[in-house]
Each structure stands twice: as C-alpha cells, then as structure tokens.
Amino acid sequence: MRAHFSKQGAREMEGSSTNLGRAFLCLRSGDCTLSGSALIWVVDELQYCMMAKGKRKSSEPKGRKITLKMAKLALKLTVDGKRRLDLSNMEITTFPKCILKLCDVDELDLSRNLLKKIPDSIAKFVNLCFLDLHSNQLDQVPKAIGRLHNLYSLNLCNNCLSTVGLPNEIGLLRKLRSLNLGMNVLESIPSSIAALKELRHLGLFNNHLTRVPECLRNLPYLETVNLKCNPIPLEDDKGIDPIQRVECLYLVRESCLCACCLQKVKDDRQRVNSRLNRGPAHRKSVFAGLNTPNSVVQEDQAIWR
C-alpha cells in the first residue's frame, strides 16, 4: 500500500516535533510510504536530534560520585592523632553531601578535583583545622567559611577566585596561621584579612595585584608573604614592613649536616673569626701617663684596663 504526504502535510510535519513522531509511527507500522522530499526532511531532522542529544550529553558533568563507604575508606589518622579525610585527585565535580556525616574530622582535603562551588554546609565541619581546596575551579568562597573558627590552615591556591569571590567573612578565622591565595585572578584582597592576627604565612603569587595590600601592615606575626608574579611596580615592592624579624635560631650538631653544608658553615665561621681578628683587640695600646713603658708594664697595664 502506498501513500504520499501532501505539501500541506509536509509543512505541518516540518513545524511540529509531534508530527515528526507521527511520521515515524506511520513508517514503523507500514501504513504509508513517505515521498522523497519528506523522507529527506525526516532524515535531516533525525540527524539534528541526535547531534543535539550528543551536545547535551557532553555538557553534563562527568565527575566521580563519592559514596559514604568510599569516604570512610579515605579516612586516615595522621601522625599527630588527627582524623584526616583525603578525597584529593578523585575527579569530583560537586561537593559530596555524604561527607557531612563525617563532619567531625580535623582535616579535609578536596584538592585536585573539578569543584566549582563549595556549599554553605561546609560550616558543619566545626572541628576543622586544615582545609585544602587547591587546584579546583572555584570562582567564589561561601560566607559560611567564616564559621570555621578552629581553622589554622586554608589553601585556595590554583582556582578562579576574583576579588568579589573572596568574602569579608574570611577575616573571622582568628586562628588562621597559613593562607594560600596564589594562582588566582585577585586584583585585591579583603581588608578584613587585617583581623587575622595569628597569620604567619600568606601566598598571593600569580595574581593580578598592582600594589602591596595595605592591610598586611597590621599583621603582627606575619613571617612570609609571597607576592611573586604580580604586576606590582618595583617602587612599591620595597618591603611590607621595614623591620626585619628573626624569631628563630636553629642549633644543630655537626653530625646532622651533610659535607657541603658543614663546609659552608666552617667557611662562614672562619670569615667571622678573621673579621674579629682584624678588630680593635689588635690595635696598638695607648697608655696615658706613661712616657716609655717597658714590656712588663705594658702587659700589666693591658690587664688592668
């Protein structure tokens, strides 16, 4: 049995996906045979639908799904007795909700993944003292991060953080000692960072900073600041604090040094001793009140003085 679509029917079919479905049903049941032009249109429409479906499929995240069982297996105990949840380098695209059941951990490592967002539920990790989120795709940090009052180390290096993506609430982390913001797109940092009075180490390398942040002058215990690879003019890069602090003196035994380091230490010591030998101790002594002192008197006078 042979039937042909009329021109009007073809036009209706072209304007409606429902008509396209009817045409396929008609072909499948064998009730009709399409004309050449209608068949070409059906084939083209089918190819378009397949391409669109392929595009939608490719745009979907292909991250790895983390289960509670996998998270428990990733739970480790550090040498100092802290519970560490290590989910780094696991191709995670979304924050695993299952790990909220392990929110009593002390350390959380989600680095080297594909995370684009950290939810406000991060605040449930109240015992967290170490949070590593480096090498993800984060463009903002939630304000809830300011509720992690026990945090002493925060690593946000190698993300997509801009100035607006870094909240002022980061200044509420009063126990924070190490903050790494390197390899982002920061043009400035929040002034609230001046409230981090315990901060020792700050990484700001490979950003878009054009000047040294003024708020860093208010950090009394700051030891190191990495500002490399920023477009800061040389005249503005003359030190954040003119006072050079030396707070640590390390004493080691000679047996703990390698041959190269030991030789360097000996050379430095010899250099210092040579400077001391050329000092005031070897200048000619001058004795007031003595016209021609003999050698004995000179030695006695030197002792008395």
C-alpha atoms as a PDB file:
ATOM      1  CA  MET A   1       0.000   0.000   0.000  1.00  0.00           C
ATOM      2  CA  ARG A   2       1.424   3.396  -0.969  1.00  0.00           C
ATOM      3  CA  ALA A   3       0.513   6.822   0.350  1.00  0.00           C
ATOM      4  CA  HIS A   4       2.101  10.248  -0.150  1.00  0.00           C
ATOM      5  CA  PHE A   5       2.192  13.227   2.176  1.00  0.00           C
ATOM      6  CA  SER A   6       0.620  16.324   0.702  1.00  0.00           C
ATOM      7  CA  LYS A   7       2.582  19.571   0.634  1.00  0.00           C
ATOM      8  CA  GLN A   8       0.413  20.928   3.399  1.00  0.00           C
ATOM      9  CA  GLY A   9       1.066  17.810   5.488  1.00  0.00           C
ATOM     10  CA  ALA A  10       4.791  18.105   4.919  1.00  0.00           C
ATOM     11  CA  ARG A  11       4.736  21.734   6.049  1.00  0.00           C
ATOM     12  CA  GLU A  12       2.804  20.778   9.173  1.00  0.00           C
ATOM     13  CA  MET A  13       5.257  17.991   9.884  1.00  0.00           C
ATOM     14  CA  GLU A  14       8.206  20.380   9.465  1.00  0.00           C
ATOM     15  CA  GLY A  15       6.782  22.763  12.045  1.00  0.00           C
ATOM     16  CA  SER A  16       5.991  20.219  14.719  1.00  0.00           C
ATOM     17  CA  SER A  17       8.027  17.614  16.553  1.00  0.00           C
ATOM     18  CA  THR A  18       4.738  15.865  17.301  1.00  0.00           C
ATOM     19  CA  ASN A  19       4.107  15.427  13.601  1.00  0.00           C
ATOM     20  CA  LEU A  20       7.606  14.060  13.280  1.00  0.00           C
ATOM     21  CA  GLY A  21       6.717  11.413  15.827  1.00  0.00           C
ATOM     22  CA  ARG A  22       3.555  10.593  13.955  1.00  0.00           C
ATOM     23  CA  ALA A  23       5.521  10.181  10.748  1.00  0.00           C
ATOM     24  CA  PHE A  24       7.861   7.708  12.446  1.00  0.00           C
ATOM     25  CA  LEU A  25       4.923   5.770  13.838  1.00  0.00           C
ATOM     26  CA  CYS A  26       3.409   5.686  10.385  1.00  0.00           C
ATOM     27  CA  LEU A  27       6.620   4.335   8.892  1.00  0.00           C
ATOM     28  CA  ARG A  28       7.046   1.820  11.691  1.00  0.00           C
ATOM     29  CA  SER A  29       3.539   0.426  11.226  1.00  0.00           C
ATOM     30  CA  GLY A  30       3.997   0.183   7.452  1.00  0.00           C
ATOM     31  CA  ASP A  31       0.829   2.098   6.742  1.00  0.00           C
ATOM     32  CA  CYS A  32       2.406   4.591   4.373  1.00  0.00           C
ATOM     33  CA  THR A  33       5.494   5.426   2.414  1.00  0.00           C
ATOM     34  CA  LEU A  34       6.873   8.946   2.506  1.00  0.00           C
ATOM     35  CA  SER A  35       7.699  10.858  -0.608  1.00  0.00           C
ATOM     36  CA  GLY A  36      11.322  11.581  -1.397  1.00  0.00           C
ATOM     37  CA  SER A  37      11.314  15.163  -0.072  1.00  0.00           C
ATOM     38  CA  ALA A  38       9.506  14.183   3.123  1.00  0.00           C
ATOM     39  CA  LEU A  39      11.914  11.295   3.693  1.00  0.00           C
ATOM     40  CA  ILE A  40      14.912  13.612   3.291  1.00  0.00           C
ATOM     41  CA  TRP A  41      13.396  16.001   5.806  1.00  0.00           C
ATOM     42  CA  VAL A  42      12.832  13.159   8.298  1.00  0.00           C
ATOM     43  CA  VAL A  43      16.463  12.014   7.951  1.00  0.00           C
ATOM     44  CA  ASP A  44      17.773  15.569   8.438  1.00  0.00           C
ATOM     45  CA  GLU A  45      15.562  16.067  11.459  1.00  0.00           C
ATOM     46  CA  LEU A  46      16.752  12.781  12.937  1.00  0.00           C
ATOM     47  CA  GLN A  47      20.406  13.770  12.492  1.00  0.00           C
ATOM     48  CA  TYR A  48      19.768  17.138  14.125  1.00  0.00           C
ATOM     49  CA  CYS A  49      18.081  15.494  17.117  1.00  0.00           C
ATOM     50  CA  MET A  50      20.993  13.081  17.520  1.00  0.00           C
ATOM     51  CA  MET A  51      23.533  15.903  17.370  1.00  0.00           C
ATOM     52  CA  ALA A  52      21.595  17.956  19.928  1.00  0.00           C
ATOM     53  CA  LYS A  53      21.380  14.960  22.217  1.00  0.00           C
ATOM     54  CA  GLY A  54      25.101  14.403  21.907  1.00  0.00           C
ATOM     55  CA  LYS A  55      25.810  18.021  22.803  1.00  0.00           C
ATOM     56  CA  ARG A  56      23.585  17.857  25.846  1.00  0.00           C
ATOM     57  CA  LYS A  57      25.298  14.697  26.947  1.00  0.00           C
ATOM     58  CA  SER A  58      28.794  16.149  26.545  1.00  0.00           C
ATOM     59  CA  SER A  59      27.922  19.253  28.545  1.00  0.00           C
ATOM     60  CA  GLU A  60      26.866  17.223  31.548  1.00  0.00           C
ATOM     61  CA  PRO A  61      29.453  16.837  34.327  1.00  0.00           C
ATOM     62  CA  LYS A  62      31.350  13.584  34.208  1.00  0.00           C
ATOM     63  CA  GLY A  63      32.581  13.666  37.747  1.00  0.00           C
ATOM     64  CA  ARG A  64      33.030  10.739  40.028  1.00  0.00           C
ATOM     65  CA  LYS A  65      30.310  10.050  42.556  1.00  0.00           C
ATOM     66  CA  ILE A  66      31.550   9.645  46.099  1.00  0.00           C
ATOM     67  CA  THR A  67      29.630   7.326  48.390  1.00  0.00           C
ATOM     68  CA  LEU A  68      29.748   7.229  52.164  1.00  0.00           C
ATOM     69  CA  LYS A  69      31.592   3.911  52.000  1.00  0.00           C
ATOM     70  CA  MET A  70      34.268   5.428  49.763  1.00  0.00           C
ATOM     71  CA  ALA A  71      34.580   8.408  52.090  1.00  0.00           C
ATOM     72  CA  LYS A  72      35.039   6.184  55.126  1.00  0.00           C
ATOM     73  CA  LEU A  73      37.786   4.293  53.319  1.00  0.00           C
ATOM     74  CA  ALA A  74      39.501   7.626  52.618  1.00  0.00           C
ATOM     75  CA  LEU A  75      39.532   8.493  56.313  1.00  0.00           C
ATOM     76  CA  LYS A  76      43.043   8.405  57.757  1.00  0.00           C
ATOM     77  CA  LEU A  77      44.768   9.091  61.044  1.00  0.00           C
ATOM     78  CA  THR A  78      47.720  11.490  60.969  1.00  0.00           C
ATOM     79  CA  VAL A  79      50.902  11.024  62.959  1.00  0.00           C
ATOM     80  CA  ASP A  80      49.730  13.626  65.469  1.00  0.00           C
ATOM     81  CA  GLY A  81      46.430  11.828  66.014  1.00  0.00           C
ATOM     82  CA  LYS A  82      44.141  13.948  63.837  1.00  0.00           C
ATOM     83  CA  ARG A  83      41.401  12.470  61.637  1.00  0.00           C
ATOM     84  CA  ARG A  84      42.017  13.384  58.003  1.00  0.00           C
ATOM     85  CA  LEU A  85      39.537  12.888  55.169  1.00  0.00           C
ATOM     86  CA  ASP A  86      41.549  12.734  51.946  1.00  0.00           C
ATOM     87  CA  LEU A  87      39.416  12.983  48.788  1.00  0.00           C
ATOM     88  CA  SER A  88      42.038  14.643  46.622  1.00  0.00           C
ATOM     89  CA  ASN A  89      42.507  13.912  42.915  1.00  0.00           C
ATOM     90  CA  MET A  90      39.274  11.928  42.524  1.00  0.00           C
ATOM     91  CA  GLU A  91      37.618  13.884  39.665  1.00  0.00           C
ATOM     92  CA  ILE A  92      34.849  15.188  41.942  1.00  0.00           C
ATOM     93  CA  THR A  93      32.667  17.842  40.288  1.00  0.00           C
ATOM     94  CA  THR A  94      30.184  18.510  43.093  1.00  0.00           C
ATOM     95  CA  PHE A  95      30.648  18.660  46.837  1.00  0.00           C
ATOM     96  CA  PRO A  96      29.787  15.166  48.183  1.00  0.00           C
ATOM     97  CA  LYS A  97      26.843  15.517  50.564  1.00  0.00           C
ATOM     98  CA  CYS A  98      27.625  12.159  52.112  1.00  0.00           C
ATOM     99  CA  ILE A  99      30.753  13.509  53.811  1.00  0.00           C
ATOM    100  CA  LEU A 100      28.567  15.710  56.019  1.00  0.00           C
ATOM    101  CA  LYS A 101      28.122  12.565  58.090  1.00  0.00           C
ATOM    102  CA  LEU A 102      31.869  12.727  58.748  1.00  0.00           C
ATOM    103  CA  CYS A 103      31.878  16.394  59.691  1.00  0.00           C
ATOM    104  CA  ASP A 104      33.760  15.711  62.924  1.00  0.00           C
ATOM    105  CA  VAL A 105      37.073  15.284  61.072  1.00  0.00           C
ATOM    106  CA  ASP A 106      40.010  17.574  61.822  1.00  0.00           C
ATOM    107  CA  GLU A 107      41.378  17.821  58.285  1.00  0.00           C
ATOM    108  CA  LEU A 108      39.648  17.832  54.903  1.00  0.00           C
ATOM    109  CA  ASP A 109      41.489  17.549  51.584  1.00  0.00           C
ATOM    110  CA  LEU A 110      39.436  18.133  48.413  1.00  0.00           C
ATOM    111  CA  SER A 111      42.329  19.369  46.297  1.00  0.00           C
ATOM    112  CA  ARG A 112      42.996  18.491  42.626  1.00  0.00           C
ATOM    113  CA  ASN A 113      39.343  17.980  41.727  1.00  0.00           C
ATOM    114  CA  LEU A 114      36.803  19.734  39.477  1.00  0.00           C
ATOM    115  CA  LEU A 115      34.788  21.530  42.132  1.00  0.00           C
ATOM    116  CA  LYS A 116      33.107  24.767  41.062  1.00  0.00           C
ATOM    117  CA  LYS A 117      31.260  25.522  44.269  1.00  0.00           C
ATOM    118  CA  ILE A 118      31.566  24.887  47.990  1.00  0.00           C
ATOM    119  CA  PRO A 119      28.169  24.868  49.755  1.00  0.00           C
ATOM    120  CA  ASP A 120      27.294  26.675  52.974  1.00  0.00           C
ATOM    121  CA  SER A 121      27.133  23.290  54.663  1.00  0.00           C
ATOM    122  CA  ILE A 122      30.932  23.458  54.935  1.00  0.00           C
ATOM    123  CA  ALA A 123      30.245  25.281  58.204  1.00  0.00           C
ATOM    124  CA  LYS A 124      29.180  21.960  59.756  1.00  0.00           C
ATOM    125  CA  PHE A 125      32.853  20.923  59.933  1.00  0.00           C
ATOM    126  CA  VAL A 126      33.235  22.770  63.228  1.00  0.00           C
ATOM    127  CA  ASN A 127      36.376  20.870  64.283  1.00  0.00           C
ATOM    128  CA  LEU A 128      38.184  21.521  61.022  1.00  0.00           C
ATOM    129  CA  CYS A 129      41.691  22.903  61.444  1.00  0.00           C
ATOM    130  CA  PHE A 130      43.045  22.139  57.957  1.00  0.00           C
ATOM    131  CA  LEU A 131      41.134  22.709  54.695  1.00  0.00           C
ATOM    132  CA  ASP A 132      42.795  22.124  51.325  1.00  0.00           C
ATOM    133  CA  LEU A 133      40.851  23.191  48.205  1.00  0.00           C
ATOM    134  CA  HIS A 134      43.718  23.968  45.862  1.00  0.00           C
ATOM    135  CA  SER A 135      43.615  23.111  42.144  1.00  0.00           C
ATOM    136  CA  ASN A 136      39.851  23.191  41.602  1.00  0.00           C
ATOM    137  CA  GLN A 137      37.601  25.505  39.570  1.00  0.00           C
ATOM    138  CA  LEU A 138      36.208  27.643  42.388  1.00  0.00           C
ATOM    139  CA  ASP A 139      35.216  31.201  41.490  1.00  0.00           C
ATOM    140  CA  GLN A 140      33.882  32.061  44.927  1.00  0.00           C
ATOM    141  CA  VAL A 141      34.155  31.044  48.557  1.00  0.00           C
ATOM    142  CA  PRO A 142      30.978  30.845  50.670  1.00  0.00           C
ATOM    143  CA  LYS A 143      30.499  33.298  53.512  1.00  0.00           C
ATOM    144  CA  ALA A 144      29.880  30.323  55.771  1.00  0.00           C
ATOM    145  CA  ILE A 145      33.594  29.614  55.764  1.00  0.00           C
ATOM    146  CA  GLY A 146      33.929  32.316  58.398  1.00  0.00           C
ATOM    147  CA  ARG A 147      32.271  29.956  60.880  1.00  0.00           C
ATOM    148  CA  LEU A 148      35.219  27.545  60.852  1.00  0.00           C
ATOM    149  CA  HIS A 149      36.696  29.146  63.955  1.00  0.00           C
ATOM    150  CA  ASN A 150      39.242  26.369  64.569  1.00  0.00           C
ATOM    151  CA  LEU A 151      40.803  26.607  61.122  1.00  0.00           C
ATOM    152  CA  TYR A 152      44.535  27.311  61.119  1.00  0.00           C
ATOM    153  CA  SER A 153      45.397  26.402  57.502  1.00  0.00           C
ATOM    154  CA  LEU A 154      43.394  27.266  54.372  1.00  0.00           C
ATOM    155  CA  ASN A 155      44.678  26.502  50.867  1.00  0.00           C
ATOM    156  CA  LEU A 156      42.745  28.071  47.958  1.00  0.00           C
ATOM    157  CA  CYS A 157      45.635  28.101  45.505  1.00  0.00           C
ATOM    158  CA  ASN A 158      45.134  27.486  41.769  1.00  0.00           C
ATOM    159  CA  ASN A 159      41.431  28.293  41.413  1.00  0.00           C
ATOM    160  CA  CYS A 160      39.431  31.007  39.619  1.00  0.00           C
ATOM    161  CA  LEU A 161      38.906  33.341  42.567  1.00  0.00           C
ATOM    162  CA  SER A 162      38.415  37.011  41.803  1.00  0.00           C
ATOM    163  CA  THR A 163      38.147  39.880  44.262  1.00  0.00           C
ATOM    164  CA  VAL A 164      34.365  39.549  44.529  1.00  0.00           C
ATOM    165  CA  GLY A 165      34.673  35.808  45.083  1.00  0.00           C
ATOM    166  CA  LEU A 166      36.586  36.202  48.341  1.00  0.00           C
ATOM    167  CA  PRO A 167      34.180  37.211  51.164  1.00  0.00           C
ATOM    168  CA  ASN A 168      34.984  39.544  54.027  1.00  0.00           C
ATOM    169  CA  GLU A 169      33.995  36.743  56.395  1.00  0.00           C
ATOM    170  CA  ILE A 170      37.427  35.252  55.856  1.00  0.00           C
ATOM    171  CA  GLY A 171      38.580  37.753  58.471  1.00  0.00           C
ATOM    172  CA  LEU A 172      36.614  35.815  61.102  1.00  0.00           C
ATOM    173  CA  LEU A 173      39.151  32.972  61.017  1.00  0.00           C
ATOM    174  CA  ARG A 174      41.035  34.344  64.003  1.00  0.00           C
ATOM    175  CA  LYS A 175      43.175  31.220  64.493  1.00  0.00           C
ATOM    176  CA  LEU A 176      44.334  31.076  60.883  1.00  0.00           C
ATOM    177  CA  ARG A 177      48.107  30.838  60.522  1.00  0.00           C
ATOM    178  CA  SER A 178      48.531  29.881  56.870  1.00  0.00           C
ATOM    179  CA  LEU A 179      46.513  31.250  53.931  1.00  0.00           C
ATOM    180  CA  ASN A 180      47.370  30.424  50.321  1.00  0.00           C
ATOM    181  CA  LEU A 181      45.580  32.509  47.671  1.00  0.00           C
ATOM    182  CA  GLY A 182      48.169  32.093  44.940  1.00  0.00           C
ATOM    183  CA  MET A 183      47.410  31.368  41.273  1.00  0.00           C
ATOM    184  CA  ASN A 184      44.014  33.067  41.138  1.00  0.00           C
ATOM    185  CA  VAL A 185      42.778  36.278  39.471  1.00  0.00           C
ATOM    186  CA  LEU A 186      42.726  38.535  42.525  1.00  0.00           C
ATOM    187  CA  GLU A 187      43.130  42.264  41.904  1.00  0.00           C
ATOM    188  CA  SER A 188      42.871  42.997  45.626  1.00  0.00           C
ATOM    189  CA  ILE A 189      42.207  41.148  48.861  1.00  0.00           C
ATOM    190  CA  PRO A 190      39.575  41.890  51.528  1.00  0.00           C
ATOM    191  CA  SER A 191      40.647  44.444  54.114  1.00  0.00           C
ATOM    192  CA  SER A 192      39.227  42.093  56.754  1.00  0.00           C
ATOM    193  CA  ILE A 193      42.391  40.000  56.399  1.00  0.00           C
ATOM    194  CA  ALA A 194      43.952  42.560  58.734  1.00  0.00           C
ATOM    195  CA  ALA A 195      41.929  40.876  61.513  1.00  0.00           C
ATOM    196  CA  LEU A 196      43.913  37.634  61.103  1.00  0.00           C
ATOM    197  CA  LYS A 197      46.311  38.500  63.900  1.00  0.00           C
ATOM    198  CA  GLU A 198      47.726  34.958  64.102  1.00  0.00           C
ATOM    199  CA  LEU A 199      48.575  34.762  60.402  1.00  0.00           C
ATOM    200  CA  ARG A 200      52.179  33.666  59.746  1.00  0.00           C
ATOM    201  CA  HIS A 201      52.280  32.728  56.061  1.00  0.00           C
ATOM    202  CA  LEU A 202      50.388  34.295  53.161  1.00  0.00           C
ATOM    203  CA  GLY A 203      50.584  33.284  49.499  1.00  0.00           C
ATOM    204  CA  LEU A 204      49.493  35.876  46.906  1.00  0.00           C
ATOM    205  CA  PHE A 205      51.705  34.838  43.988  1.00  0.00           C
ATOM    206  CA  ASN A 206      50.479  34.698  40.374  1.00  0.00           C
ATOM    207  CA  ASN A 207      47.557  37.077  40.759  1.00  0.00           C
ATOM    208  CA  HIS A 208      46.627  40.490  39.306  1.00  0.00           C
ATOM    209  CA  LEU A 209      47.701  42.631  42.254  1.00  0.00           C
ATOM    210  CA  THR A 210      49.071  46.039  41.267  1.00  0.00           C
ATOM    211  CA  ARG A 211      50.182  47.101  44.752  1.00  0.00           C
ATOM    212  CA  VAL A 212      51.140  45.604  48.077  1.00  0.00           C
ATOM    213  CA  PRO A 213      47.953  45.317  50.185  1.00  0.00           C
ATOM    214  CA  GLU A 214      47.934  47.877  52.984  1.00  0.00           C
ATOM    215  CA  CYS A 215      46.138  45.533  55.359  1.00  0.00           C
ATOM    216  CA  LEU A 216      49.274  43.389  55.642  1.00  0.00           C
ATOM    217  CA  ARG A 217      50.929  46.061  57.778  1.00  0.00           C
ATOM    218  CA  ASN A 218      48.536  45.231  60.609  1.00  0.00           C
ATOM    219  CA  LEU A 219      49.546  41.573  60.890  1.00  0.00           C
ATOM    220  CA  PRO A 220      51.993  41.422  63.829  1.00  0.00           C
ATOM    221  CA  TYR A 221      53.160  37.810  63.414  1.00  0.00           C
ATOM    222  CA  LEU A 222      53.410  37.687  59.630  1.00  0.00           C
ATOM    223  CA  GLU A 223      56.654  35.931  58.661  1.00  0.00           C
ATOM    224  CA  THR A 224      56.427  35.235  54.916  1.00  0.00           C
ATOM    225  CA  VAL A 225      54.459  36.814  52.077  1.00  0.00           C
ATOM    226  CA  ASN A 226      54.810  35.530  48.522  1.00  0.00           C
ATOM    227  CA  LEU A 227      53.928  38.278  46.012  1.00  0.00           C
ATOM    228  CA  LYS A 228      55.835  36.901  43.037  1.00  0.00           C
ATOM    229  CA  CYS A 229      54.395  37.166  39.517  1.00  0.00           C
ATOM    230  CA  ASN A 230      52.103  40.119  40.200  1.00  0.00           C
ATOM    231  CA  PRO A 231      52.123  43.355  38.140  1.00  0.00           C
ATOM    232  CA  ILE A 232      53.414  45.401  41.096  1.00  0.00           C
ATOM    233  CA  PRO A 233      55.732  48.318  40.171  1.00  0.00           C
ATOM    234  CA  LEU A 234      59.226  47.961  41.576  1.00  0.00           C
ATOM    235  CA  GLU A 235      58.988  51.125  43.655  1.00  0.00           C
ATOM    236  CA  ASP A 236      56.003  49.638  45.501  1.00  0.00           C
ATOM    237  CA  ASP A 237      57.784  46.386  46.253  1.00  0.00           C
ATOM    238  CA  LYS A 238      60.226  47.650  48.861  1.00  0.00           C
ATOM    239  CA  GLY A 239      59.079  45.612  51.760  1.00  0.00           C
ATOM    240  CA  ILE A 240      55.838  45.461  53.627  1.00  0.00           C
ATOM    241  CA  ASP A 241      57.491  46.096  56.967  1.00  0.00           C
ATOM    242  CA  PRO A 242      60.897  47.787  57.272  1.00  0.00           C
ATOM    243  CA  ILE A 243      61.604  45.812  60.451  1.00  0.00           C
ATOM    244  CA  GLN A 244      63.290  42.514  59.687  1.00  0.00           C
ATOM    245  CA  ARG A 245      62.214  39.945  62.262  1.00  0.00           C
ATOM    246  CA  VAL A 246      64.369  36.978  63.190  1.00  0.00           C
ATOM    247  CA  GLU A 247      62.368  34.932  65.659  1.00  0.00           C
ATOM    248  CA  CYS A 248      64.001  31.510  65.376  1.00  0.00           C
ATOM    249  CA  LEU A 249      67.532  30.278  65.948  1.00  0.00           C
ATOM    250  CA  TYR A 250      68.206  26.720  64.875  1.00  0.00           C
ATOM    251  CA  LEU A 251      71.073  24.808  66.534  1.00  0.00           C
ATOM    252  CA  VAL A 252      72.166  21.504  65.041  1.00  0.00           C
ATOM    253  CA  ARG A 253      75.046  19.119  65.613  1.00  0.00           C
ATOM    254  CA  GLU A 254      77.786  18.815  63.029  1.00  0.00           C
ATOM    255  CA  SER A 255      76.883  15.161  62.557  1.00  0.00           C
ATOM    256  CA  CYS A 256      73.440  16.243  61.304  1.00  0.00           C
ATOM    257  CA  LEU A 257      74.900  18.263  58.418  1.00  0.00           C
ATOM    258  CA  CYS A 258      75.958  16.980  55.054  1.00  0.00           C
ATOM    259  CA  ALA A 259      79.512  17.550  53.891  1.00  0.00           C
ATOM    260  CA  CYS A 260      78.554  20.522  51.711  1.00  0.00           C
ATOM    261  CA  CYS A 261      76.601  22.310  54.447  1.00  0.00           C
ATOM    262  CA  LEU A 262      79.266  21.589  57.036  1.00  0.00           C
ATOM    263  CA  GLN A 263      81.961  23.087  54.830  1.00  0.00           C
ATOM    264  CA  LYS A 264      79.813  26.167  54.254  1.00  0.00           C
ATOM    265  CA  VAL A 265      79.337  26.633  57.992  1.00  0.00           C
ATOM    266  CA  LYS A 266      83.087  26.279  58.596  1.00  0.00           C
ATOM    267  CA  ASP A 267      83.822  28.844  55.881  1.00  0.00           C
ATOM    268  CA  ASP A 268      81.360  31.278  57.433  1.00  0.00           C
ATOM    269  CA  ARG A 269      82.866  30.748  60.858  1.00  0.00           C
ATOM    270  CA  GLN A 270      86.370  31.330  59.520  1.00  0.00           C
ATOM    271  CA  ARG A 271      85.197  34.505  57.798  1.00  0.00           C
ATOM    272  CA  VAL A 272      83.714  35.828  61.038  1.00  0.00           C
ATOM    273  CA  ASN A 273      86.843  34.944  63.015  1.00  0.00           C
ATOM    274  CA  SER A 274      89.056  36.731  60.514  1.00  0.00           C
ATOM    275  CA  ARG A 275      86.955  39.878  60.886  1.00  0.00           C
ATOM    276  CA  LEU A 276      87.231  39.652  64.667  1.00  0.00           C
ATOM    277  CA  ASN A 277      90.990  39.220  64.470  1.00  0.00           C
ATOM    278  CA  ARG A 278      91.232  42.434  62.499  1.00  0.00           C
ATOM    279  CA  GLY A 279      89.193  44.218  65.158  1.00  0.00           C
ATOM    280  CA  PRO A 280      90.169  46.602  67.994  1.00  0.00           C
ATOM    281  CA  ALA A 281      91.884  43.854  70.031  1.00  0.00           C
ATOM    282  CA  HIS A 282      94.985  44.049  67.803  1.00  0.00           C
ATOM    283  CA  ARG A 283      95.326  47.790  67.698  1.00  0.00           C
ATOM    284  CA  LYS A 284      98.357  49.304  69.393  1.00  0.00           C
ATOM    285  CA  SER A 285      97.617  50.028  73.029  1.00  0.00           C
ATOM    286  CA  VAL A 286      97.904  53.620  74.251  1.00  0.00           C
ATOM    287  CA  PHE A 287      98.731  54.177  77.938  1.00  0.00           C
ATOM    288  CA  ALA A 288      98.135  57.615  79.309  1.00  0.00           C
ATOM    289  CA  GLY A 289     100.681  58.881  81.834  1.00  0.00           C
ATOM    290  CA  LEU A 290     103.478  56.559  80.727  1.00  0.00           C
ATOM    291  CA  ASN A 291     106.247  58.014  78.580  1.00  0.00           C
ATOM    292  CA  THR A 292     108.299  54.903  77.751  1.00  0.00           C
ATOM    293  CA  PRO A 293     106.555  51.828  79.114  1.00  0.00           C
ATOM    294  CA  ASN A 294     108.578  48.662  79.081  1.00  0.00           C
ATOM    295  CA  SER A 295     107.098  45.324  78.017  1.00  0.00           C
ATOM    296  CA  VAL A 296     106.178  44.215  81.558  1.00  0.00           C
ATOM    297  CA  VAL A 297     104.396  47.421  82.402  1.00  0.00           C
ATOM    298  CA  GLN A 298     102.583  47.316  79.074  1.00  0.00           C
ATOM    299  CA  GLU A 299     101.278  43.812  79.742  1.00  0.00           C
ATOM    300  CA  ASP A 300     100.218  44.707  83.295  1.00  0.00           C
ATOM    301  CA  GLN A 301      98.508  47.862  82.110  1.00  0.00           C
ATOM    302  CA  ALA A 302      96.627  45.901  79.467  1.00  0.00           C
ATOM    303  CA  ILE A 303      95.399  43.512  82.157  1.00  0.00           C
ATOM    304  CA  TRP A 304      94.315  46.338  84.447  1.00  0.00           C
ATOM    305  CA  ARG A 305      92.398  48.012  81.702  1.00  0.00           C
END
